[in-house]
Protein backbone atom coordinates (compact mmCIF):
# COMPACT_ATOMS: atom_id res chain seq x y z
CA MET A 1 21.15 11.58 -4.83
CA THR A 2 21.39 7.82 -6.35
CA VAL A 3 18.64 5.55 -8.00
CA THR A 4 20.40 2.67 -10.16
CA THR A 5 18.39 0.37 -12.64
CA HIS A 6 21.34 -1.81 -14.14
CA GLY A 7 25.17 -1.89 -14.39
CA PRO A 8 27.40 -2.52 -11.60
CA LEU A 9 27.16 -1.79 -8.20
CA PRO A 10 29.24 0.15 -5.59
CA ASP A 11 31.95 -1.91 -4.31
CA THR A 12 32.20 0.39 -1.10
CA PRO A 13 29.86 -1.01 1.89
CA TYR A 14 27.18 0.01 3.63
CA ASP A 15 26.10 0.27 6.59
CA VAL A 16 22.56 -0.66 6.22
CA ILE A 17 20.89 -2.61 3.42
CA VAL A 18 16.84 -3.09 3.30
CA ILE A 19 15.64 -5.43 1.00
CA GLY A 20 12.43 -4.85 -0.33
CA ALA A 21 10.63 -1.44 -1.86
CA GLY A 22 7.75 -1.95 -0.90
CA VAL A 23 5.40 0.31 1.62
CA VAL A 24 7.18 -1.07 4.48
CA GLY A 25 10.68 -1.38 3.08
CA SER A 26 10.59 2.40 1.57
CA ALA A 27 9.28 3.67 5.23
CA ILE A 28 12.28 1.95 6.97
CA ALA A 29 14.69 3.54 4.29
CA ARG A 30 13.10 7.24 5.48
CA ALA A 31 13.48 6.76 8.69
CA LEU A 32 16.97 5.64 8.36
CA ALA A 33 17.53 8.61 6.05
CA ARG A 34 17.29 10.88 9.42
CA HIS A 35 20.93 9.51 10.36
CA PRO A 36 23.10 11.06 7.98
CA ARG A 37 26.31 9.23 9.58
CA LEU A 38 24.29 5.84 8.05
CA ARG A 39 25.41 4.81 4.34
CA THR A 40 22.14 3.20 3.48
CA ALA A 41 20.45 1.16 0.45
CA VAL A 42 17.79 -0.22 -0.81
CA VAL A 43 17.39 -3.12 -2.88
CA GLU A 44 14.22 -4.27 -4.69
CA ALA A 45 13.72 -6.93 -7.52
CA GLN A 46 11.85 -5.13 -9.29
CA ASP A 47 11.91 -1.87 -11.68
CA ASP A 48 9.96 0.27 -9.02
CA VAL A 49 9.02 1.01 -5.95
CA GLY A 50 6.04 -0.62 -4.52
CA GLN A 51 5.17 -2.98 -7.23
CA GLY A 52 4.60 -6.09 -4.64
CA SER A 53 1.95 -6.24 -2.47
CA SER A 54 2.22 -2.56 -1.93
CA LYS A 55 0.55 -1.79 -4.97
CA ALA A 56 -2.53 -4.33 -5.33
CA ASN A 57 -4.44 -3.56 -2.00
CA THR A 58 -7.89 -1.92 -0.93
CA ALA A 59 -6.40 1.03 -0.35
CA ILE A 60 -7.58 1.48 3.40
CA LEU A 61 -6.06 3.37 6.25
CA HIS A 62 -7.30 1.49 9.02
CA THR A 63 -7.73 2.14 12.52
CA GLY A 64 -6.94 -1.23 13.76
CA PHE A 65 -10.62 -1.55 15.27
CA ASP A 66 -10.64 -5.46 14.67
CA ALA A 67 -6.64 -6.12 15.39
CA VAL A 68 -5.65 -8.62 17.97
CA PRO A 69 -5.90 -6.81 21.28
CA GLY A 70 -2.11 -6.42 22.78
CA SER A 71 -0.39 -7.59 19.86
CA LEU A 72 2.45 -6.09 18.25
CA GLU A 73 -0.06 -5.37 15.29
CA ALA A 74 -2.46 -3.87 17.15
CA ARG A 75 -0.17 -1.38 18.48
CA LEU A 76 1.83 -0.37 15.29
CA VAL A 77 -1.43 -0.37 13.57
CA ARG A 78 -2.82 2.09 16.17
CA GLU A 79 0.45 4.53 16.30
CA GLY A 80 1.00 4.36 12.19
CA SER A 81 -2.61 5.26 11.12
CA ARG A 82 -2.14 8.54 13.25
CA ARG A 83 1.20 9.03 12.06
CA LEU A 84 0.10 8.41 8.64
CA ALA A 85 -3.17 10.56 8.41
CA ASP A 86 -0.58 13.56 9.39
CA TYR A 87 1.80 12.66 6.89
CA ALA A 88 -0.57 12.33 3.67
CA ALA A 89 -1.80 15.57 5.00
CA GLU A 90 1.56 17.19 5.08
CA SER A 91 3.03 15.43 1.70
CA GLY A 92 -0.36 15.86 -0.56
CA ILE A 93 -1.44 12.15 -0.28
CA PRO A 94 -4.81 11.89 -0.60
CA VAL A 95 -7.03 10.63 2.15
CA GLU A 96 -10.74 10.55 2.79
CA PRO A 97 -12.52 9.97 6.31
CA VAL A 98 -15.02 7.86 4.66
CA GLY A 99 -15.73 5.83 7.68
CA ALA A 100 -16.33 2.09 7.82
CA LEU A 101 -19.65 0.28 8.68
CA LEU A 102 -19.23 -3.73 9.52
CA VAL A 103 -22.75 -5.08 7.96
CA ALA A 104 -24.52 -8.02 9.92
CA TRP A 105 -26.36 -10.13 7.33
CA ASP A 106 -27.31 -12.67 9.90
CA GLU A 107 -28.09 -13.00 13.21
CA GLU A 108 -25.17 -14.79 14.40
CA GLN A 109 -23.27 -11.79 12.34
CA ARG A 110 -25.52 -9.13 14.85
CA ALA A 111 -24.66 -11.28 17.73
CA ALA A 112 -20.95 -10.80 17.10
CA LEU A 113 -21.20 -6.80 16.56
CA PRO A 114 -21.05 -5.93 20.84
CA ARG A 115 -17.94 -8.01 20.70
CA LEU A 116 -16.64 -6.24 17.83
CA ALA A 117 -17.12 -2.91 19.91
CA GLU A 118 -15.68 -4.37 22.71
CA LYS A 119 -12.68 -5.65 20.91
CA ALA A 120 -12.44 -1.75 19.27
CA GLU A 121 -12.14 -0.14 22.71
CA ARG A 122 -9.64 -2.44 23.59
CA ASN A 123 -7.86 -1.34 20.99
CA ASP A 124 -8.14 2.23 21.85
CA CYS A 125 -10.72 3.10 18.98
CA LYS A 126 -13.77 4.45 21.13
CA GLU A 127 -15.70 6.12 18.45
CA THR A 128 -17.55 3.28 17.16
CA ARG A 129 -21.40 2.92 17.47
CA LEU A 130 -23.96 0.05 16.90
CA LEU A 131 -26.65 1.28 14.15
CA GLU A 132 -29.83 -0.56 13.78
CA ALA A 133 -31.28 -1.39 10.52
CA ALA A 134 -32.97 1.27 10.09
CA GLU A 135 -30.71 3.94 10.38
CA LEU A 136 -27.80 1.95 8.43
CA TYR A 137 -30.42 1.99 5.30
CA ASP A 138 -30.72 5.92 5.79
CA ARG A 139 -26.76 5.99 5.52
CA GLU A 140 -26.34 2.96 2.85
CA PRO A 141 -29.99 3.76 0.77
CA HIS A 142 -28.29 1.41 -1.94
CA LEU A 143 -27.73 -1.17 0.37
CA GLY A 144 -28.88 -4.91 -0.41
CA PRO A 145 -32.10 -6.08 1.68
CA GLY A 146 -32.04 -8.16 4.51
CA ALA A 147 -29.19 -5.86 6.71
CA LEU A 148 -29.86 -6.64 10.47
CA GLY A 149 -27.76 -4.12 11.54
CA ALA A 150 -24.16 -2.57 11.42
CA LEU A 151 -20.94 -0.99 13.76
CA HIS A 152 -20.06 2.39 12.30
CA VAL A 153 -16.16 2.59 12.44
CA PRO A 154 -16.09 6.22 12.04
CA GLY A 155 -11.80 6.36 12.14
CA GLU A 156 -11.80 4.46 8.88
CA SER A 157 -10.31 6.09 5.56
CA ILE A 158 -9.52 5.64 1.98
CA ILE A 159 -5.97 6.70 0.66
CA CYS A 160 -3.42 6.41 -2.49
CA PRO A 161 -1.04 3.93 -1.66
CA TRP A 162 0.56 4.48 -4.89
CA THR A 163 1.35 8.12 -3.51
CA THR A 164 2.19 6.37 -0.29
CA THR A 165 4.98 4.23 -0.81
CA LEU A 166 6.50 6.63 -3.51
CA ALA A 167 6.58 9.18 -1.08
CA TYR A 168 8.50 7.23 1.56
CA ALA A 169 11.23 6.19 -1.17
CA THR A 170 11.41 9.76 -2.77
CA GLN A 171 12.23 11.31 0.75
CA ALA A 172 14.65 8.37 1.30
CA VAL A 173 16.79 8.84 -1.77
CA ARG A 174 16.96 13.07 -1.44
CA HIS A 175 18.19 12.46 1.81
CA GLY A 176 21.35 10.27 0.43
CA VAL A 177 20.19 6.46 0.49
CA ASP A 178 20.69 4.45 -2.57
CA LEU A 179 17.76 2.92 -4.47
CA HIS A 180 18.76 0.07 -6.63
CA LEU A 181 16.50 -1.37 -8.60
CA ASN A 182 16.13 -4.32 -10.93
CA CYS A 183 18.70 -5.93 -8.21
CA ARG A 184 16.99 -9.46 -7.07
CA VAL A 185 18.62 -11.24 -3.99
CA GLU A 186 19.83 -14.50 -5.05
CA LYS A 187 21.70 -15.66 -1.81
CA LEU A 188 21.91 -14.13 1.55
CA SER A 189 24.63 -14.02 3.93
CA GLN A 190 25.86 -12.36 6.80
CA GLY A 191 26.96 -8.93 5.22
CA LEU A 192 26.77 -9.84 2.25
CA LEU A 193 24.04 -9.86 -0.52
CA SER A 194 24.13 -11.93 -3.59
CA THR A 195 22.13 -10.46 -6.73
CA ASN A 196 21.77 -10.67 -10.10
CA ARG A 197 23.50 -7.19 -10.62
CA GLY A 198 26.47 -8.19 -8.25
CA ALA A 199 27.75 -8.13 -4.61
CA LEU A 200 26.82 -6.12 -2.27
CA ARG A 201 28.26 -5.29 1.21
CA THR A 202 27.07 -4.40 4.60
CA ARG A 203 27.36 -4.06 8.29
CA TRP A 204 23.49 -4.71 8.75
CA ILE A 205 20.87 -6.11 6.46
CA ILE A 206 16.63 -5.65 7.32
CA ASN A 207 14.80 -8.03 5.56
CA ALA A 208 11.62 -6.45 4.17
CA ALA A 209 11.05 -8.49 1.22
CA GLY A 210 7.43 -9.30 1.96
CA LEU A 211 6.17 -12.33 0.16
CA HIS A 212 9.97 -13.86 0.01
CA ALA A 213 11.14 -12.90 3.60
CA ASP A 214 11.10 -16.45 4.15
CA THR A 215 12.86 -17.48 1.73
CA LEU A 216 16.05 -14.96 2.61
CA ASP A 217 15.20 -15.70 6.30
CA ARG A 218 15.92 -19.39 5.87
CA ASP A 219 19.38 -18.41 3.94
CA LEU A 220 20.79 -17.14 7.37
CA GLY A 221 19.73 -20.18 9.17
CA HIS A 222 16.08 -19.02 10.68
CA ASP A 223 12.72 -21.07 9.96
CA ASP A 224 10.73 -18.46 12.22
CA PHE A 225 7.70 -18.58 9.71
CA THR A 226 6.34 -19.63 5.98
CA VAL A 227 4.75 -16.76 4.03
CA THR A 228 1.59 -18.43 2.04
CA PRO A 229 0.45 -16.37 -0.45
CA ARG A 230 -2.78 -15.21 -0.10
CA ARG A 231 -4.31 -13.91 -3.25
CA GLY A 232 -6.98 -11.24 -3.24
CA GLN A 233 -8.92 -10.64 -6.48
CA LEU A 234 -10.40 -7.02 -6.94
CA ILE A 235 -12.86 -5.70 -9.13
CA VAL A 236 -12.48 -1.91 -10.38
CA PHE A 237 -15.90 -0.02 -11.13
CA ASP A 238 -16.41 3.03 -13.02
CA LYS A 239 -16.75 6.53 -11.85
CA PHE A 240 -20.30 6.46 -12.07
CA ALA A 241 -20.99 3.88 -9.06
CA ARG A 242 -19.55 6.47 -6.85
CA ALA A 243 -22.52 7.54 -6.37
CA LEU A 244 -24.00 4.18 -4.93
CA VAL A 245 -22.21 4.10 -1.75
CA ARG A 246 -20.80 6.22 1.33
CA HIS A 247 -18.51 4.19 3.65
CA ILE A 248 -16.49 1.39 3.47
CA LEU A 249 -18.90 -1.85 3.97
CA LEU A 250 -17.46 -4.31 5.80
CA PRO A 251 -18.15 -7.91 6.63
CA VAL A 252 -18.16 -9.65 9.56
CA PRO A 253 -14.54 -11.24 9.77
CA THR A 254 -13.67 -14.33 9.47
CA ALA A 255 -10.11 -16.30 10.71
CA LEU A 256 -8.94 -15.91 6.64
CA GLY A 257 -9.59 -12.29 7.22
CA LYS A 258 -11.58 -8.88 6.47
CA GLY A 259 -13.55 -10.77 3.91
CA VAL A 260 -15.10 -9.25 0.55
CA LEU A 261 -15.87 -5.60 1.01
CA VAL A 262 -17.48 -2.71 -1.15
CA ALA A 263 -15.11 0.52 -0.88
CA PRO A 264 -14.71 4.01 -2.88
CA THR A 265 -11.47 5.01 -3.92
CA VAL A 266 -9.80 8.40 -3.62
CA TYR A 267 -9.44 8.37 -7.40
CA GLY A 268 -13.44 8.44 -7.87
CA ASN A 269 -13.91 4.65 -8.61
CA VAL A 270 -15.48 1.50 -6.33
CA LEU A 271 -13.63 -1.65 -5.42
CA LEU A 272 -15.32 -4.87 -4.69
CA GLY A 273 -12.99 -7.72 -3.01
CA PRO A 274 -10.78 -8.95 -1.87
CA THR A 275 -11.22 -12.33 -2.26
CA ALA A 276 -8.68 -14.83 0.07
CA GLU A 277 -6.99 -17.89 -1.68
CA ASP A 278 -4.42 -19.26 0.11
CA LEU A 279 -1.93 -20.80 -2.63
CA ASP A 280 1.92 -21.99 -3.10
CA ASP A 281 3.10 -19.91 -5.95
CA LYS A 282 4.21 -16.21 -5.21
CA ARG A 283 3.75 -14.85 -8.49
CA ALA A 284 -0.15 -16.05 -9.50
CA THR A 285 -1.00 -12.50 -9.52
CA GLN A 286 -3.62 -13.08 -12.45
CA SER A 287 -7.43 -12.83 -11.84
CA THR A 288 -9.69 -15.98 -12.59
CA ALA A 289 -13.15 -16.37 -13.75
CA ASP A 290 -14.35 -18.37 -10.69
CA GLY A 291 -12.92 -15.76 -8.34
CA LEU A 292 -14.48 -12.92 -9.91
CA THR A 293 -17.67 -14.80 -10.06
CA ARG A 294 -18.28 -15.33 -6.57
CA LEU A 295 -16.65 -11.89 -6.19
CA ARG A 296 -19.85 -10.59 -8.39
CA GLU A 297 -22.53 -12.74 -6.35
CA GLN A 298 -21.29 -11.39 -3.01
CA GLY A 299 -21.36 -8.31 -4.40
CA ARG A 300 -24.86 -8.24 -5.63
CA ARG A 301 -26.12 -9.15 -1.95
CA ILE A 302 -23.86 -6.14 -0.67
CA LEU A 303 -25.27 -3.45 -3.35
CA PRO A 304 -27.17 -5.18 -5.57
CA GLU A 305 -27.24 -1.84 -8.20
CA LEU A 306 -23.30 -1.91 -8.58
CA LEU A 307 -23.40 -4.92 -10.81
CA ASP A 308 -25.62 -2.80 -13.00
CA GLU A 309 -22.30 -0.41 -13.16
CA GLU A 310 -19.71 -0.62 -15.66
CA VAL A 311 -16.17 -2.48 -14.83
CA THR A 312 -13.00 -0.41 -15.37
CA ALA A 313 -10.61 -2.68 -14.36
CA VAL A 314 -9.66 -5.95 -12.69
CA TYR A 315 -6.59 -6.84 -10.60
CA ALA A 316 -5.02 -8.92 -7.94
CA GLY A 317 -2.80 -8.98 -5.22
CA LEU A 318 -0.84 -11.54 -2.61
CA ARG A 319 -0.56 -10.63 0.83
CA ALA A 320 2.07 -12.23 2.91
CA ALA A 321 0.07 -14.23 5.31
CA THR A 322 1.82 -16.66 7.89
CA GLU A 323 0.89 -19.28 10.37
CA TYR A 324 0.79 -16.58 13.16
CA ASP A 325 -1.97 -13.86 14.15
CA ASP A 326 1.27 -11.15 14.51
CA TYR A 327 3.70 -9.61 12.42
CA ARG A 328 6.96 -11.66 12.64
CA ILE A 329 9.82 -8.67 13.63
CA THR A 330 12.80 -10.06 15.24
CA ALA A 331 16.26 -8.80 15.26
CA HIS A 332 19.29 -11.36 15.09
CA PRO A 333 22.39 -9.39 16.05
CA GLU A 334 24.72 -12.10 16.09
CA GLN A 335 24.34 -11.96 12.35
CA ALA A 336 23.35 -8.03 12.32
CA TYR A 337 20.09 -8.83 10.64
CA LEU A 338 16.53 -8.14 11.24
CA THR A 339 13.38 -9.75 9.93
CA VAL A 340 10.79 -7.81 9.04
CA GLY A 341 7.75 -10.41 7.84
CA GLY A 342 4.43 -11.33 7.92
CA ILE A 343 3.29 -7.83 7.39
CA ARG A 344 -0.28 -8.71 5.77
CA SER A 345 -3.12 -6.26 4.84
CA THR A 346 -2.38 -3.53 7.61
CA GLY A 347 1.21 -3.09 6.28
CA LEU A 348 0.30 0.31 4.46
CA THR A 349 -1.42 1.65 7.76
CA ALA A 350 1.32 0.55 9.54
CA SER A 351 4.40 1.76 7.97
CA LEU A 352 5.57 4.74 9.19
CA ALA A 353 5.14 2.91 13.15
CA ILE A 354 6.60 0.07 11.56
CA ALA A 355 9.94 1.83 10.75
CA GLU A 356 9.93 3.60 13.53
CA TYR A 357 9.71 0.46 15.71
CA VAL A 358 12.81 -1.58 13.44
CA VAL A 359 15.04 1.61 13.26
CA GLY A 360 14.74 1.33 17.10
CA GLN A 361 15.98 -1.93 17.33
CA LEU A 362 19.20 -1.18 15.90
CA PRO A 363 20.92 1.05 18.57
CA ALA A 364 19.93 -2.47 21.41
CA ASN A 365 21.31 -4.66 19.03
CA GLY A 366 24.88 -3.52 18.13
CA LEU A 367 24.23 -0.34 15.22
CA GLU A 368 25.47 3.09 16.63
CA LEU A 369 22.95 5.36 14.55
CA GLY A 370 24.50 8.63 14.95
CA PRO A 371 23.05 12.10 15.42
CA SER A 372 19.69 12.29 14.26
CA ARG A 373 17.73 15.07 11.62
CA GLU A 374 14.71 16.18 10.51
CA LEU A 375 13.72 15.46 6.76
CA GLY A 376 13.04 17.76 4.06
CA ARG A 377 9.10 17.89 3.07
CA VAL A 378 8.09 16.10 -0.08
CA ARG A 379 4.96 16.98 -1.85
CA MET A 380 3.54 14.87 -4.41
CA PRO A 381 1.22 15.49 -7.06
CA ASN A 382 -2.39 14.88 -6.16
CA LEU A 383 -4.30 11.87 -7.52
CA GLY A 384 -7.51 11.83 -5.70
CA GLU A 385 -10.84 13.16 -6.74
CA ALA A 386 -11.53 14.97 -3.90
CA PHE A 387 -8.55 17.65 -4.11
CA PRO A 388 -8.01 19.79 -7.07
CA ARG A 389 -6.40 18.57 -9.68
CA PRO A 390 -4.20 20.54 -12.28
CA TYR A 391 -6.42 20.84 -14.78
CA GLN A 392 -9.12 22.45 -12.14
CA ARG A 393 -6.15 24.88 -11.55
CA PRO A 394 -6.19 28.08 -13.48
CA ASP A 395 -3.22 29.63 -11.74
CA LEU A 396 -1.39 26.68 -12.62
CA ILE A 397 -2.48 26.38 -16.23
CA ALA A 398 -1.78 29.98 -16.28
CA ALA A 399 1.77 29.69 -15.47
CA ASP A 400 2.00 26.56 -17.51
CA ALA A 401 0.06 25.84 -20.40
CA GLU A 402 1.47 21.95 -20.18
CA TYR A 403 -1.13 21.40 -16.96
CA GLY A 404 -4.22 22.02 -19.17
CA THR A 405 -3.38 19.96 -22.23
CA LEU A 406 -4.71 16.92 -21.26
CA VAL A 407 -3.51 13.34 -22.60
CA CYS A 408 -5.47 11.06 -20.88
CA HIS A 409 -8.86 12.39 -21.06
CA CYS A 410 -10.74 9.48 -18.80
CA GLU A 411 -8.49 10.40 -15.43
CA ARG A 412 -7.81 13.79 -16.66
CA VAL A 413 -4.56 13.77 -16.96
CA SER A 414 -2.17 16.64 -18.87
CA ARG A 415 0.75 16.72 -19.93
CA GLY A 416 2.85 18.50 -17.34
CA GLU A 417 1.78 16.00 -14.88
CA ILE A 418 3.02 13.31 -17.21
CA ARG A 419 6.48 15.59 -17.81
CA ASP A 420 6.91 15.94 -13.78
CA ALA A 421 6.67 12.42 -13.59
CA LEU A 422 9.07 11.74 -16.07
CA ALA A 423 11.63 13.84 -14.08
CA SER A 424 11.02 12.91 -10.89
CA ALA A 425 13.91 11.61 -8.29
CA ILE A 426 12.19 8.06 -8.57
CA PRO A 427 10.91 8.25 -12.68
CA PRO A 428 8.52 5.24 -13.56
CA GLY A 429 10.65 1.94 -14.72
CA SER A 430 7.35 1.31 -17.03
CA LEU A 431 4.07 2.53 -18.30
CA ASP A 432 2.25 0.99 -15.56
CA GLY A 433 4.73 2.85 -13.48
CA LEU A 434 3.63 6.32 -15.09
CA ARG A 435 0.14 5.07 -14.17
CA ARG A 436 0.83 5.00 -10.30
CA ARG A 437 1.84 8.35 -10.62
CA THR A 438 -0.27 10.06 -12.48
CA ARG A 439 -3.68 7.84 -13.03
CA ALA A 440 -2.69 7.84 -16.84
CA ARG A 441 -4.39 4.88 -18.92
CA GLY A 442 -6.24 3.80 -15.83
CA GLY A 443 -9.48 4.93 -16.47
CA ARG A 444 -12.31 3.18 -18.14
CA CYS A 445 -10.82 3.00 -21.60
CA GLN A 446 -7.94 1.43 -19.74
CA GLY A 447 -5.13 3.65 -22.52
CA PHE A 448 -6.81 2.75 -25.87
CA TYR A 449 -7.27 6.40 -26.36
CA CYS A 450 -4.20 7.86 -24.40
CA GLY A 451 -1.76 4.91 -24.54
CA ALA A 452 0.38 5.81 -27.81
CA ALA A 453 1.24 9.46 -26.69
CA ALA A 454 1.58 8.29 -23.17
CA ARG A 455 4.06 5.72 -24.90
CA GLN A 456 5.75 8.74 -26.85
CA LEU A 457 6.35 10.90 -23.50
CA PHE A 458 7.57 8.05 -21.91
CA GLU A 459 9.98 6.74 -24.60
CA GLU A 460 10.92 10.45 -25.27
CA ALA A 461 12.15 10.63 -22.02
CA ARG A 462 14.13 7.74 -21.81
CA GLY A 463 16.17 8.79 -24.40
């Protein structure tokens, strides 16, 4: 089990190197770990897994009801949704099947709902149902005035994206995959990665670099797609707002994306967002006053009382949008190279199916995988409010009093949870990484109360 964060890299060549430890790259690494004869590594530019688009999304487990029928994305989202729901139950990843309501606010949108229901049917999402305004308001009594109807999509769920990526990466590392963090690929050539920590040699390269997948693609002479970073800003409302909403409230989608939604989270908060801003800068993850103002204006129409609630946090993420409506997954066997590009907001849902599809391409393109094995299960710490947390479990506290000693009172995080995260197979590289593993410093005071204690525990664990 090897996780490196600094220093020289191994001299021995790998069989496969995956570039990018986001949710898709980590899922691919997990799939490769089933083949023990392969020497596999993942390289990640940042100090933790899931540090890019994977940490800053809307945390929805999609059904794929509105994907382009017949597309690779539609197929993999459909397969991935079922796989991830099963995997989450097995691994302790919190999921809540709250369902979604696609709300029509004018006659044009209402006229589009039957077409969306037909599209859902073509995508094997057969349980959708059209609702008249009266039933819509029975289901969502706090909805703003003027809604004309909705399409109910019962299969849509909310999930913890942080735990999902970490579960994949943990399973991969425990089964022999090397993880090299703080390892930025500066140049790519056939069988060779030049990084800020030195060179790595490999038989095959899988490019799952997200926002930077097109840049690395061009290093090997390909110009198949261009990633345009699409910024999504979101507002996180306090847990007192949770009673205002029962479903994921979706707008009728546009060409720019699924639009601004209101959704509960598994952590007990309510999300408003995202915006959809096409930018040039792949590092522009800052929030803006204009963006947040627009969100509040749209949120006031959807759920007026939400705007009276306290804001816990704001954040922004960048989606890897391209000029195409589908994923860009392409093998180049003559270079022993495979690109996994254009994986947008559905990447979390489709991740396990994408991984199976990608690894399935390798034998047909010249890489013998060898025998396959079942992976030992992982059981992740629960971060969801709908399931028992350690501070609520007398049996756990009786066995170890650290689980009854709270450090973060806003999010009810114990010393035992922080200790476990710091001693885990992939320990956090920063306080933000610790927050994603435990929720410490993620509550309404944003670490004002617990920040010093969390930092002390973090620094003690780092020696």
